[in-house]
Amino acid sequence: MNENVRPLDYGVAAPSAERNRVLRNTYWLLALSMLPTVLGAWVGVATGITQALTGGLGLIVFLGGAFGFIFAIEKTKNSAAGVPVLLGFTFFMGLMLSRMIGMILGFSNGSQLIMTAMGGTAGVFFVMASLATVIKRDLSGMGKWLFVGALVVMVGGIVNVFVGSTAGMMAISVAVIAIFSAYMLYDLKRILDGGETNYISATLALYLDLFNVFQALLALLGIMGGERD
């Protein structure tokens, strides 16, 4: 999914002031995007509106909604509507995440698992942001390999929706964490190198990285550390 919002090549580098502006606006918008995500997750858990979205139905709603929003964001990213559309997308993603969060909250240590996943995701972002500032080499070649990896785990995830394998879910979750952590580094480096000059597209890319890492961490923690009363 992430590759739909970026070209594979870095492109022409932007001036330093422009890069700093894009990075600053991206961080602010990324922080703001967490609010609709939390709200969407809360609404989903409180109302149970997503509980019926199981199996193929849930997959169709998620993929249709997500790709529809991504298309709309790319169409509006240079207009005043870009930010509201992006925030609408993050609300939708929080809503879709609420079913997993509700399941995790069913464990006696559910709240602890969620906080651990949040802390782990923040830690990954901090490490990748730090690496992006010190790595001098061009990482544009990573894009094609990461795109292939993302497609593989997406197909594996779709298959596992119907198979329902716990071992398969664990393997996919580990792969998602690895691939989208690397994508995080790639996206941050693109901004720093001037390859991404639109902060809405940059925010969308980083948001998807963070969302996928958090969701995969939460799934792993639920499988391996969930405790029943």
C-alpha atoms as a PDB file:
ATOM      1  CA  MET A   1       0.000   0.000   0.000  1.00  0.00           C
ATOM      2  CA  ASN A   2       2.762   2.399   0.912  1.00  0.00           C
ATOM      3  CA  GLU A   3       4.303   2.415  -2.566  1.00  0.00           C
ATOM      4  CA  ASN A   4       1.132   3.928  -4.034  1.00  0.00           C
ATOM      5  CA  VAL A   5       2.024   7.305  -2.594  1.00  0.00           C
ATOM      6  CA  ARG A   6       5.571   7.736  -3.875  1.00  0.00           C
ATOM      7  CA  PRO A   7       7.710   7.406  -6.998  1.00  0.00           C
ATOM      8  CA  LEU A   8      10.495   4.861  -6.878  1.00  0.00           C
ATOM      9  CA  ASP A   9      13.221   7.416  -7.646  1.00  0.00           C
ATOM     10  CA  TYR A  10      14.274  10.350  -5.554  1.00  0.00           C
ATOM     11  CA  GLY A  11      14.047  12.931  -8.318  1.00  0.00           C
ATOM     12  CA  VAL A  12      15.670  16.361  -8.295  1.00  0.00           C
ATOM     13  CA  ALA A  13      16.872  17.536  -4.887  1.00  0.00           C
ATOM     14  CA  ALA A  14      15.118  20.573  -3.388  1.00  0.00           C
ATOM     15  CA  PRO A  15      16.990  23.449  -1.740  1.00  0.00           C
ATOM     16  CA  SER A  16      17.907  23.054   1.933  1.00  0.00           C
ATOM     17  CA  ALA A  17      15.321  25.572   3.172  1.00  0.00           C
ATOM     18  CA  GLU A  18      12.605  23.802   1.200  1.00  0.00           C
ATOM     19  CA  ARG A  19      13.616  20.416   2.595  1.00  0.00           C
ATOM     20  CA  ASN A  20      13.511  21.756   6.149  1.00  0.00           C
ATOM     21  CA  ARG A  21      10.073  23.262   5.540  1.00  0.00           C
ATOM     22  CA  VAL A  22       8.699  20.006   4.152  1.00  0.00           C
ATOM     23  CA  LEU A  23      10.168  18.020   7.059  1.00  0.00           C
ATOM     24  CA  ARG A  24       8.806  20.446   9.666  1.00  0.00           C
ATOM     25  CA  ASN A  25       5.302  20.505   8.134  1.00  0.00           C
ATOM     26  CA  THR A  26       5.364  16.723   7.769  1.00  0.00           C
ATOM     27  CA  TYR A  27       6.153  16.206  11.453  1.00  0.00           C
ATOM     28  CA  TRP A  28       3.404  18.603  12.530  1.00  0.00           C
ATOM     29  CA  LEU A  29       0.810  17.005  10.265  1.00  0.00           C
ATOM     30  CA  LEU A  30       1.930  13.510  11.281  1.00  0.00           C
ATOM     31  CA  ALA A  31       1.428  14.407  14.947  1.00  0.00           C
ATOM     32  CA  LEU A  32      -1.986  15.912  14.137  1.00  0.00           C
ATOM     33  CA  SER A  33      -3.009  12.793  12.202  1.00  0.00           C
ATOM     34  CA  MET A  34      -2.721  10.716  15.374  1.00  0.00           C
ATOM     35  CA  LEU A  35      -5.743  12.506  16.875  1.00  0.00           C
ATOM     36  CA  PRO A  36      -8.304  11.292  14.274  1.00  0.00           C
ATOM     37  CA  THR A  37      -6.700   7.848  14.440  1.00  0.00           C
ATOM     38  CA  VAL A  38      -7.240   7.622  18.195  1.00  0.00           C
ATOM     39  CA  LEU A  39     -10.766   9.029  17.800  1.00  0.00           C
ATOM     40  CA  GLY A  40     -11.605   6.491  15.092  1.00  0.00           C
ATOM     41  CA  ALA A  41     -10.279   3.629  17.219  1.00  0.00           C
ATOM     42  CA  TRP A  42     -12.282   4.848  20.225  1.00  0.00           C
ATOM     43  CA  VAL A  43     -15.484   5.159  18.171  1.00  0.00           C
ATOM     44  CA  GLY A  44     -14.968   1.679  16.754  1.00  0.00           C
ATOM     45  CA  VAL A  45     -14.378   0.090  20.165  1.00  0.00           C
ATOM     46  CA  ALA A  46     -17.191   2.017  21.861  1.00  0.00           C
ATOM     47  CA  THR A  47     -19.826   1.291  19.210  1.00  0.00           C
ATOM     48  CA  GLY A  48     -18.622  -2.104  17.976  1.00  0.00           C
ATOM     49  CA  ILE A  49     -19.330  -0.873  14.450  1.00  0.00           C
ATOM     50  CA  THR A  50     -16.487  -2.887  12.939  1.00  0.00           C
ATOM     51  CA  GLN A  51     -17.217  -6.189  14.694  1.00  0.00           C
ATOM     52  CA  ALA A  52     -19.185  -7.483  11.721  1.00  0.00           C
ATOM     53  CA  LEU A  53     -16.291  -6.797   9.339  1.00  0.00           C
ATOM     54  CA  THR A  54     -14.752 -10.243   9.430  1.00  0.00           C
ATOM     55  CA  GLY A  55     -13.053 -12.328   6.743  1.00  0.00           C
ATOM     56  CA  GLY A  56     -13.576 -11.269   3.158  1.00  0.00           C
ATOM     57  CA  LEU A  57     -16.050  -8.487   3.978  1.00  0.00           C
ATOM     58  CA  GLY A  58     -13.601  -6.754   6.302  1.00  0.00           C
ATOM     59  CA  LEU A  59     -10.836  -7.103   3.718  1.00  0.00           C
ATOM     60  CA  ILE A  60     -12.974  -5.548   0.970  1.00  0.00           C
ATOM     61  CA  VAL A  61     -14.057  -2.621   3.161  1.00  0.00           C
ATOM     62  CA  PHE A  62     -10.505  -1.982   4.359  1.00  0.00           C
ATOM     63  CA  LEU A  63      -8.788  -2.186   0.968  1.00  0.00           C
ATOM     64  CA  GLY A  64     -11.562  -0.298  -0.835  1.00  0.00           C
ATOM     65  CA  GLY A  65     -11.655   2.478   1.756  1.00  0.00           C
ATOM     66  CA  ALA A  66      -7.883   2.755   2.122  1.00  0.00           C
ATOM     67  CA  PHE A  67      -7.065   2.876  -1.577  1.00  0.00           C
ATOM     68  CA  GLY A  68     -10.002   5.197  -2.214  1.00  0.00           C
ATOM     69  CA  PHE A  69      -8.687   7.641   0.374  1.00  0.00           C
ATOM     70  CA  ILE A  70      -5.111   7.368  -0.936  1.00  0.00           C
ATOM     71  CA  PHE A  71      -6.337   8.194  -4.438  1.00  0.00           C
ATOM     72  CA  ALA A  72      -8.299  11.186  -3.093  1.00  0.00           C
ATOM     73  CA  ILE A  73      -5.297  12.423  -1.085  1.00  0.00           C
ATOM     74  CA  GLU A  74      -3.039  12.319  -4.115  1.00  0.00           C
ATOM     75  CA  LYS A  75      -5.636  14.232  -6.136  1.00  0.00           C
ATOM     76  CA  THR A  76      -6.049  16.952  -3.477  1.00  0.00           C
ATOM     77  CA  LYS A  77      -2.519  17.182  -2.041  1.00  0.00           C
ATOM     78  CA  ASN A  78      -1.852  20.522  -3.739  1.00  0.00           C
ATOM     79  CA  SER A  79      -5.134  22.106  -2.652  1.00  0.00           C
ATOM     80  CA  ALA A  80      -6.771  23.263   0.580  1.00  0.00           C
ATOM     81  CA  ALA A  81      -8.732  20.015   0.699  1.00  0.00           C
ATOM     82  CA  GLY A  82      -5.598  17.879   1.041  1.00  0.00           C
ATOM     83  CA  VAL A  83      -5.218  18.087   4.820  1.00  0.00           C
ATOM     84  CA  PRO A  84      -8.919  17.400   5.655  1.00  0.00           C
ATOM     85  CA  VAL A  85      -8.932  14.410   3.290  1.00  0.00           C
ATOM     86  CA  LEU A  86      -5.761  13.068   4.912  1.00  0.00           C
ATOM     87  CA  LEU A  87      -7.248  13.475   8.392  1.00  0.00           C
ATOM     88  CA  GLY A  88     -10.416  11.709   7.198  1.00  0.00           C
ATOM     89  CA  PHE A  89      -8.221   8.852   6.032  1.00  0.00           C
ATOM     90  CA  THR A  90      -6.505   8.596   9.436  1.00  0.00           C
ATOM     91  CA  PHE A  91      -9.926   8.478  11.133  1.00  0.00           C
ATOM     92  CA  PHE A  92     -10.921   5.637   8.813  1.00  0.00           C
ATOM     93  CA  MET A  93      -7.701   3.776   9.592  1.00  0.00           C
ATOM     94  CA  GLY A  94      -8.315   4.163  13.324  1.00  0.00           C
ATOM     95  CA  LEU A  95     -11.813   2.808  12.813  1.00  0.00           C
ATOM     96  CA  MET A  96     -10.458  -0.203  10.951  1.00  0.00           C
ATOM     97  CA  LEU A  97      -7.872  -0.767  13.693  1.00  0.00           C
ATOM     98  CA  SER A  98     -10.559  -0.784  16.392  1.00  0.00           C
ATOM     99  CA  ARG A  99     -11.483  -4.427  15.854  1.00  0.00           C
ATOM    100  CA  MET A 100      -7.948  -5.567  16.715  1.00  0.00           C
ATOM    101  CA  ILE A 101      -7.763  -3.124  19.616  1.00  0.00           C
ATOM    102  CA  GLY A 102     -11.062  -4.460  20.951  1.00  0.00           C
ATOM    103  CA  MET A 103      -9.660  -7.998  20.803  1.00  0.00           C
ATOM    104  CA  ILE A 104      -6.484  -6.923  22.610  1.00  0.00           C
ATOM    105  CA  LEU A 105      -8.517  -5.140  25.281  1.00  0.00           C
ATOM    106  CA  GLY A 106     -10.197  -8.487  25.904  1.00  0.00           C
ATOM    107  CA  PHE A 107      -6.947  -9.622  27.540  1.00  0.00           C
ATOM    108  CA  SER A 108      -6.396  -8.777  31.193  1.00  0.00           C
ATOM    109  CA  ASN A 109      -3.167  -7.008  30.194  1.00  0.00           C
ATOM    110  CA  GLY A 110      -4.637  -5.509  27.023  1.00  0.00           C
ATOM    111  CA  SER A 111      -3.982  -1.878  27.929  1.00  0.00           C
ATOM    112  CA  GLN A 112      -0.360  -2.708  28.729  1.00  0.00           C
ATOM    113  CA  LEU A 113       0.054  -4.469  25.372  1.00  0.00           C
ATOM    114  CA  ILE A 114      -1.322  -1.445  23.509  1.00  0.00           C
ATOM    115  CA  MET A 115       1.012   0.928  25.356  1.00  0.00           C
ATOM    116  CA  THR A 116       3.942  -1.399  24.646  1.00  0.00           C
ATOM    117  CA  ALA A 117       3.090  -1.442  20.936  1.00  0.00           C
ATOM    118  CA  MET A 118       2.849   2.354  20.921  1.00  0.00           C
ATOM    119  CA  GLY A 119       6.191   2.665  22.687  1.00  0.00           C
ATOM    120  CA  GLY A 120       7.800   0.167  20.320  1.00  0.00           C
ATOM    121  CA  THR A 121       6.488   2.033  17.269  1.00  0.00           C
ATOM    122  CA  ALA A 122       7.745   5.354  18.651  1.00  0.00           C
ATOM    123  CA  GLY A 123      11.127   3.721  19.302  1.00  0.00           C
ATOM    124  CA  VAL A 124      11.356   2.447  15.731  1.00  0.00           C
ATOM    125  CA  PHE A 125      10.513   5.912  14.412  1.00  0.00           C
ATOM    126  CA  PHE A 126      13.152   7.542  16.615  1.00  0.00           C
ATOM    127  CA  VAL A 127      15.829   5.078  15.465  1.00  0.00           C
ATOM    128  CA  MET A 128      14.951   5.471  11.782  1.00  0.00           C
ATOM    129  CA  ALA A 129      14.771   9.264  12.037  1.00  0.00           C
ATOM    130  CA  SER A 130      18.205   9.278  13.672  1.00  0.00           C
ATOM    131  CA  LEU A 131      19.648   6.972  11.013  1.00  0.00           C
ATOM    132  CA  ALA A 132      18.181   9.107   8.235  1.00  0.00           C
ATOM    133  CA  THR A 133      20.108  12.128   9.479  1.00  0.00           C
ATOM    134  CA  VAL A 134      23.484  10.361   9.644  1.00  0.00           C
ATOM    135  CA  ILE A 135      23.380   8.089   6.584  1.00  0.00           C
ATOM    136  CA  LYS A 136      24.968   9.899   3.652  1.00  0.00           C
ATOM    137  CA  ARG A 137      24.539   7.303   0.921  1.00  0.00           C
ATOM    138  CA  ASP A 138      21.696   7.344  -1.581  1.00  0.00           C
ATOM    139  CA  LEU A 139      18.976   4.903  -0.505  1.00  0.00           C
ATOM    140  CA  SER A 140      16.805   5.273  -3.590  1.00  0.00           C
ATOM    141  CA  GLY A 141      17.664   1.722  -4.659  1.00  0.00           C
ATOM    142  CA  MET A 142      15.798   0.387  -1.630  1.00  0.00           C
ATOM    143  CA  GLY A 143      12.459   1.466  -3.063  1.00  0.00           C
ATOM    144  CA  LYS A 144      12.000  -1.321  -5.585  1.00  0.00           C
ATOM    145  CA  TRP A 145      12.972  -4.051  -3.131  1.00  0.00           C
ATOM    146  CA  LEU A 146      10.739  -2.658  -0.402  1.00  0.00           C
ATOM    147  CA  PHE A 147       7.846  -2.434  -2.837  1.00  0.00           C
ATOM    148  CA  VAL A 148       8.260  -6.101  -3.752  1.00  0.00           C
ATOM    149  CA  GLY A 149       8.438  -7.025  -0.052  1.00  0.00           C
ATOM    150  CA  ALA A 150       5.309  -5.003   0.703  1.00  0.00           C
ATOM    151  CA  LEU A 151       3.427  -6.768  -2.101  1.00  0.00           C
ATOM    152  CA  VAL A 152       4.518 -10.181  -0.820  1.00  0.00           C
ATOM    153  CA  VAL A 153       3.347  -9.520   2.743  1.00  0.00           C
ATOM    154  CA  MET A 154       0.112  -7.993   1.447  1.00  0.00           C
ATOM    155  CA  VAL A 155      -0.662 -11.120  -0.559  1.00  0.00           C
ATOM    156  CA  GLY A 156       0.355 -13.284   2.400  1.00  0.00           C
ATOM    157  CA  GLY A 157      -1.908 -11.273   4.690  1.00  0.00           C
ATOM    158  CA  ILE A 158      -4.870 -11.620   2.335  1.00  0.00           C
ATOM    159  CA  VAL A 159      -4.349 -15.378   2.098  1.00  0.00           C
ATOM    160  CA  ASN A 160      -4.054 -15.671   5.868  1.00  0.00           C
ATOM    161  CA  VAL A 161      -7.379 -13.878   6.352  1.00  0.00           C
ATOM    162  CA  PHE A 162      -9.025 -16.991   4.897  1.00  0.00           C
ATOM    163  CA  VAL A 163      -6.548 -19.559   6.282  1.00  0.00           C
ATOM    164  CA  GLY A 164      -6.509 -18.177   9.822  1.00  0.00           C
ATOM    165  CA  SER A 165      -3.060 -19.514  10.718  1.00  0.00           C
ATOM    166  CA  THR A 166      -1.551 -18.163  13.949  1.00  0.00           C
ATOM    167  CA  ALA A 167       1.961 -19.098  12.829  1.00  0.00           C
ATOM    168  CA  GLY A 168       1.297 -17.397   9.512  1.00  0.00           C
ATOM    169  CA  MET A 169       0.108 -14.267  11.287  1.00  0.00           C
ATOM    170  CA  MET A 170       3.265 -14.193  13.389  1.00  0.00           C
ATOM    171  CA  ALA A 171       5.518 -14.607  10.349  1.00  0.00           C
ATOM    172  CA  ILE A 172       3.663 -11.910   8.420  1.00  0.00           C
ATOM    173  CA  SER A 173       3.774  -9.551  11.410  1.00  0.00           C
ATOM    174  CA  VAL A 174       7.545  -9.942  11.753  1.00  0.00           C
ATOM    175  CA  ALA A 175       7.987  -9.318   8.028  1.00  0.00           C
ATOM    176  CA  VAL A 176       5.726  -6.237   8.157  1.00  0.00           C
ATOM    177  CA  ILE A 177       7.729  -4.757  11.046  1.00  0.00           C
ATOM    178  CA  ALA A 178      10.992  -5.275   9.163  1.00  0.00           C
ATOM    179  CA  ILE A 179       9.758  -3.991   5.798  1.00  0.00           C
ATOM    180  CA  PHE A 180       7.905  -0.914   7.042  1.00  0.00           C
ATOM    181  CA  SER A 181      10.658   0.025   9.472  1.00  0.00           C
ATOM    182  CA  ALA A 182      12.963   0.089   6.457  1.00  0.00           C
ATOM    183  CA  TYR A 183      10.299   2.013   4.534  1.00  0.00           C
ATOM    184  CA  MET A 184      10.309   4.566   7.372  1.00  0.00           C
ATOM    185  CA  LEU A 185      14.028   5.113   6.885  1.00  0.00           C
ATOM    186  CA  TYR A 186      13.549   5.324   3.119  1.00  0.00           C
ATOM    187  CA  ASP A 187      10.741   7.889   3.395  1.00  0.00           C
ATOM    188  CA  LEU A 188      12.559  10.058   5.912  1.00  0.00           C
ATOM    189  CA  LYS A 189      15.716   9.982   3.795  1.00  0.00           C
ATOM    190  CA  ARG A 190      13.707  11.016   0.735  1.00  0.00           C
ATOM    191  CA  ILE A 191      12.449  14.095   2.574  1.00  0.00           C
ATOM    192  CA  LEU A 192      15.909  14.976   3.867  1.00  0.00           C
ATOM    193  CA  ASP A 193      17.440  14.503   0.413  1.00  0.00           C
ATOM    194  CA  GLY A 194      14.747  16.612  -1.259  1.00  0.00           C
ATOM    195  CA  GLY A 195      13.107  13.749  -3.131  1.00  0.00           C
ATOM    196  CA  GLU A 196       9.692  14.516  -1.611  1.00  0.00           C
ATOM    197  CA  THR A 197       8.559  18.137  -1.773  1.00  0.00           C
ATOM    198  CA  ASN A 198       4.895  17.771  -0.816  1.00  0.00           C
ATOM    199  CA  TYR A 199       4.364  17.458   2.927  1.00  0.00           C
ATOM    200  CA  ILE A 200       0.930  15.860   2.555  1.00  0.00           C
ATOM    201  CA  SER A 201       2.355  13.005   0.466  1.00  0.00           C
ATOM    202  CA  ALA A 202       5.278  12.755   2.888  1.00  0.00           C
ATOM    203  CA  THR A 203       2.905  12.557   5.862  1.00  0.00           C
ATOM    204  CA  LEU A 204       0.795   9.912   4.165  1.00  0.00           C
ATOM    205  CA  ALA A 205       3.853   7.747   3.485  1.00  0.00           C
ATOM    206  CA  LEU A 206       5.177   8.005   7.051  1.00  0.00           C
ATOM    207  CA  TYR A 207       1.712   7.488   8.527  1.00  0.00           C
ATOM    208  CA  LEU A 208       1.326   4.223   6.615  1.00  0.00           C
ATOM    209  CA  ASP A 209       4.755   3.116   7.830  1.00  0.00           C
ATOM    210  CA  LEU A 210       3.844   3.841  11.457  1.00  0.00           C
ATOM    211  CA  PHE A 211       0.381   2.292  11.147  1.00  0.00           C
ATOM    212  CA  ASN A 212       1.729  -0.950   9.709  1.00  0.00           C
ATOM    213  CA  VAL A 213       4.497  -1.248  12.302  1.00  0.00           C
ATOM    214  CA  PHE A 214       2.080  -0.556  15.167  1.00  0.00           C
ATOM    215  CA  GLN A 215      -0.538  -2.994  13.889  1.00  0.00           C
ATOM    216  CA  ALA A 216       2.041  -5.756  13.387  1.00  0.00           C
ATOM    217  CA  LEU A 217       3.587  -5.168  16.828  1.00  0.00           C
ATOM    218  CA  LEU A 218       0.149  -5.254  18.428  1.00  0.00           C
ATOM    219  CA  ALA A 219      -0.702  -8.516  16.666  1.00  0.00           C
ATOM    220  CA  LEU A 220       2.564 -10.116  17.807  1.00  0.00           C
ATOM    221  CA  LEU A 221       2.129  -8.944  21.384  1.00  0.00           C
ATOM    222  CA  GLY A 222      -1.441 -10.213  21.434  1.00  0.00           C
ATOM    223  CA  ILE A 223      -0.433 -13.637  20.164  1.00  0.00           C
ATOM    224  CA  MET A 224       2.629 -14.028  22.369  1.00  0.00           C
ATOM    225  CA  GLY A 225       1.759 -12.047  25.489  1.00  0.00           C
ATOM    226  CA  GLY A 226      -2.009 -11.859  25.784  1.00  0.00           C
ATOM    227  CA  GLU A 227      -3.277 -13.019  29.192  1.00  0.00           C
ATOM    228  CA  ARG A 228      -6.773 -14.235  29.951  1.00  0.00           C
ATOM    229  CA  ASP A 229      -8.380 -13.802  33.359  1.00  0.00           C
END
